[in-house]
């Protein structure tokens, strides 16, 4: 459903009148649970891969969303998956110093990630974009206009991230120093009696 199929010279959609269609199937995510390692207080970044599978006979546009965005990043939050195929997405947990709250506020919790999908409009201009920047712009516009004009169109499924508790003997200590040497956090030791 579109008023115009005009595109700009860069290949991005000028009109925001496109509305997605409901897929026959939701995406399949594998694994359903991703468990990270909190033994070092989340000092180092951690990576994992989740596979998204399109069971429809048409390409689907997907979007990944999570409530705690400072705690997780995706290699691609928007993408197009060809018919009856899969794509791998890298999930990144940045170091805790980049989080907006203390690691203990997130650890020991389940964080849900929503994987939404839509079929492209039937009169969508071809060829489909291939650059990630254009796919992201298309995804934002299409999900926005679909949510506004046909709110019950998209399908979704959730997968879970578990950030285990930070060990009790771990403390993230930030020290300010005037020396040129970087100061690294240390694990406190228990005094022997």
Protein backbone atom coordinates (compact mmCIF):
# COMPACT_ATOMS: atom_id res chain seq x y z
CA UNK A 1 0.00 0.00 0.00
CA UNK A 2 1.77 3.13 -1.17
CA UNK A 3 0.94 6.46 -2.65
CA UNK A 4 4.19 6.77 -4.52
CA UNK A 5 7.10 4.50 -5.21
CA UNK A 6 9.52 7.37 -5.72
CA UNK A 7 13.02 6.88 -4.45
CA UNK A 8 15.85 9.31 -4.17
CA UNK A 9 19.10 9.05 -6.06
CA UNK A 10 20.66 7.40 -3.02
CA UNK A 11 18.08 4.60 -3.14
CA UNK A 12 16.35 5.59 0.10
CA UNK A 13 12.60 5.91 0.24
CA UNK A 14 11.38 9.52 0.13
CA UNK A 15 7.74 8.84 0.94
CA UNK A 16 6.78 7.29 4.26
CA UNK A 17 3.53 5.83 2.97
CA UNK A 18 4.67 2.22 2.81
CA UNK A 19 3.06 -0.18 5.27
CA UNK A 20 4.44 -3.66 5.91
CA UNK A 21 2.43 -6.84 5.65
CA UNK A 22 1.94 -9.57 8.22
CA UNK A 23 4.30 -12.53 7.76
CA UNK A 24 2.91 -16.04 7.91
CA UNK A 25 5.46 -17.07 10.57
CA UNK A 26 7.40 -15.35 13.32
CA UNK A 27 11.19 -15.64 13.22
CA UNK A 28 12.90 -18.61 14.83
CA UNK A 29 15.72 -17.66 17.21
CA UNK A 30 18.53 -19.97 18.21
CA UNK A 31 19.52 -20.15 21.00
CA UNK A 32 16.57 -19.02 23.12
CA UNK A 33 18.86 -18.24 26.10
CA UNK A 34 22.32 -16.62 26.00
CA UNK A 35 24.27 -16.74 29.26
CA UNK A 36 27.31 -14.51 29.73
CA UNK A 37 30.17 -14.65 32.28
CA UNK A 38 30.16 -12.21 35.20
CA UNK A 39 33.18 -13.61 37.06
CA UNK A 40 35.34 -10.54 36.33
CA UNK A 41 32.63 -7.98 37.07
CA UNK A 42 31.98 -7.48 33.33
CA UNK A 43 35.32 -5.70 32.88
CA UNK A 44 35.84 -7.01 29.36
CA UNK A 45 33.45 -7.03 26.42
CA UNK A 46 31.74 -10.33 25.63
CA UNK A 47 30.33 -11.63 22.35
CA UNK A 48 27.74 -14.23 21.42
CA UNK A 49 25.83 -15.10 18.26
CA UNK A 50 22.10 -15.54 17.79
CA UNK A 51 20.66 -16.97 14.59
CA UNK A 52 17.41 -15.60 13.14
CA UNK A 53 15.56 -17.85 10.67
CA UNK A 54 12.90 -16.70 8.21
CA UNK A 55 10.36 -19.48 7.49
CA UNK A 56 8.32 -17.36 5.05
CA UNK A 57 8.50 -17.72 1.26
CA UNK A 58 9.25 -13.97 0.94
CA UNK A 59 12.03 -11.81 2.37
CA UNK A 60 11.31 -10.32 5.78
CA UNK A 61 12.54 -7.17 7.43
CA UNK A 62 13.52 -7.65 11.08
CA UNK A 63 14.19 -5.37 14.03
CA UNK A 64 15.84 -6.27 17.36
CA UNK A 65 14.89 -4.30 20.46
CA UNK A 66 15.74 -4.54 24.13
CA UNK A 67 14.93 -2.37 27.12
CA UNK A 68 18.50 -2.04 28.45
CA UNK A 69 20.34 -0.72 25.40
CA UNK A 70 23.44 0.40 27.31
CA UNK A 71 24.07 -3.19 28.36
CA UNK A 72 23.83 -4.81 24.92
CA UNK A 73 24.61 -3.96 21.33
CA UNK A 74 23.79 -5.82 18.11
CA UNK A 75 25.92 -6.11 14.99
CA UNK A 76 22.70 -5.33 13.06
CA UNK A 77 19.54 -4.18 14.81
CA UNK A 78 17.70 -4.08 11.45
CA UNK A 79 18.08 -6.41 8.50
CA UNK A 80 16.50 -8.26 5.61
CA UNK A 81 16.46 -12.07 5.65
CA UNK A 82 15.90 -13.79 2.28
CA UNK A 83 13.09 -16.38 1.97
CA UNK A 84 13.53 -19.57 4.00
CA UNK A 85 17.04 -18.70 5.15
CA UNK A 86 18.92 -17.52 8.24
CA UNK A 87 21.23 -14.77 9.34
CA UNK A 88 23.61 -14.58 12.29
CA UNK A 89 23.61 -11.53 14.56
CA UNK A 90 26.46 -10.81 16.95
CA UNK A 91 25.34 -9.74 20.40
CA UNK A 92 27.88 -7.61 22.28
CA UNK A 93 27.94 -6.96 26.01
CA UNK A 94 30.26 -3.93 26.40
CA UNK A 95 32.48 -3.52 29.47
CA UNK A 96 30.61 -2.44 32.61
CA UNK A 97 32.40 0.92 32.68
CA UNK A 98 30.28 1.87 29.64
CA UNK A 99 26.99 0.92 31.32
CA UNK A 100 24.86 3.72 32.73
CA UNK A 101 24.41 1.91 36.06
CA UNK A 102 26.35 -0.38 38.38
CA UNK A 103 26.85 -3.98 37.12
CA UNK A 104 24.99 -5.28 40.18
CA UNK A 105 21.84 -3.49 38.92
CA UNK A 106 21.80 -5.73 35.82
CA UNK A 107 23.47 -8.92 37.00
CA UNK A 108 21.34 -11.82 38.14
CA UNK A 109 18.55 -10.67 35.83
CA UNK A 110 16.97 -11.92 32.67
CA UNK A 111 16.95 -9.35 29.87
CA UNK A 112 14.42 -9.97 27.10
CA UNK A 113 15.18 -9.10 23.49
CA UNK A 114 12.31 -8.77 21.02
CA UNK A 115 12.86 -9.89 17.41
CA UNK A 116 10.09 -8.37 15.25
CA UNK A 117 9.47 -9.10 11.58
CA UNK A 118 7.41 -7.71 8.70
CA UNK A 119 6.91 -8.59 5.05
CA UNK A 120 7.79 -5.72 2.73
CA UNK A 121 4.88 -4.02 0.95
CA UNK A 122 3.84 -5.90 -2.21
CA UNK A 123 4.51 -2.84 -4.40
CA UNK A 124 7.89 -2.05 -2.81
CA UNK A 125 10.42 -0.87 -5.43
CA UNK A 126 13.13 -3.36 -6.34
CA UNK A 127 15.99 -4.05 -5.97
CA UNK A 128 16.11 -4.28 -2.18
CA UNK A 129 18.82 -2.20 -0.50
CA UNK A 130 22.05 -4.02 0.30
CA UNK A 131 23.99 -1.48 2.37
CA UNK A 132 23.41 -1.70 6.11
CA UNK A 133 22.84 2.07 6.38
CA UNK A 134 20.02 1.96 3.82
CA UNK A 135 18.50 -1.15 5.44
CA UNK A 136 18.50 0.59 8.84
CA UNK A 137 16.82 3.72 7.42
CA UNK A 138 14.26 1.55 5.59
CA UNK A 139 13.62 -0.51 8.75
CA UNK A 140 13.05 2.52 10.95
CA UNK A 141 10.62 4.09 8.46
CA UNK A 142 8.74 0.89 7.66
CA UNK A 143 8.32 -0.21 11.29
CA UNK A 144 7.24 3.33 12.26
CA UNK A 145 4.65 3.74 9.49
CA UNK A 146 3.36 0.20 10.01
CA UNK A 147 2.97 0.75 13.77
CA UNK A 148 1.09 3.99 13.07
CA UNK A 149 -1.15 2.81 10.21
CA UNK A 150 -1.54 -0.94 10.89
CA UNK A 151 -0.46 -1.58 14.49
CA UNK A 152 -1.21 -5.32 14.68
CA UNK A 153 0.71 -6.24 11.52
CA UNK A 154 4.14 -7.28 12.78
CA UNK A 155 4.98 -10.59 14.45
CA UNK A 156 7.53 -10.99 17.18
CA UNK A 157 9.35 -13.54 19.30
CA UNK A 158 11.58 -13.07 22.34
CA UNK A 159 14.91 -14.53 23.33
CA UNK A 160 16.65 -14.07 26.66
CA UNK A 161 20.01 -12.84 27.90
CA UNK A 162 21.18 -13.81 31.37
CA UNK A 163 23.87 -11.78 33.07
CA UNK A 164 25.00 -13.86 36.07
CA UNK A 165 25.60 -12.15 39.40
CA UNK A 166 28.92 -10.51 40.03
CA UNK A 167 30.85 -12.51 42.67
CA UNK A 168 30.64 -11.11 46.21
CA UNK A 169 34.41 -10.65 46.44
CA UNK A 170 34.49 -8.48 43.30
CA UNK A 171 34.46 -4.69 43.50
CA UNK A 172 34.79 -2.25 40.64
CA UNK A 173 36.99 0.49 42.04
CA UNK A 174 37.52 3.70 40.13
CA UNK A 175 40.61 5.61 41.18
CA UNK A 176 41.56 9.06 39.98
CA UNK A 177 45.26 9.51 39.65
CA UNK A 178 47.54 12.31 38.51
CA UNK A 179 50.07 9.88 37.08
CA UNK A 180 50.24 9.09 33.37
CA UNK A 181 49.92 5.35 34.07
CA UNK A 182 46.38 3.96 33.66
CA UNK A 183 44.90 2.64 36.87
CA UNK A 184 43.13 -0.69 36.61
CA UNK A 185 40.49 -2.00 39.00
CA UNK A 186 41.66 -4.75 41.31
CA UNK A 187 39.96 -7.58 43.09
CA UNK A 188 40.05 -6.99 46.84
CA UNK A 189 41.63 -9.69 48.93
CA UNK A 190 40.36 -10.97 52.22
CA UNK A 191 42.86 -10.42 55.04
CA UNK A 192 44.07 -13.58 56.75
CA UNK A 193 43.77 -13.81 60.49
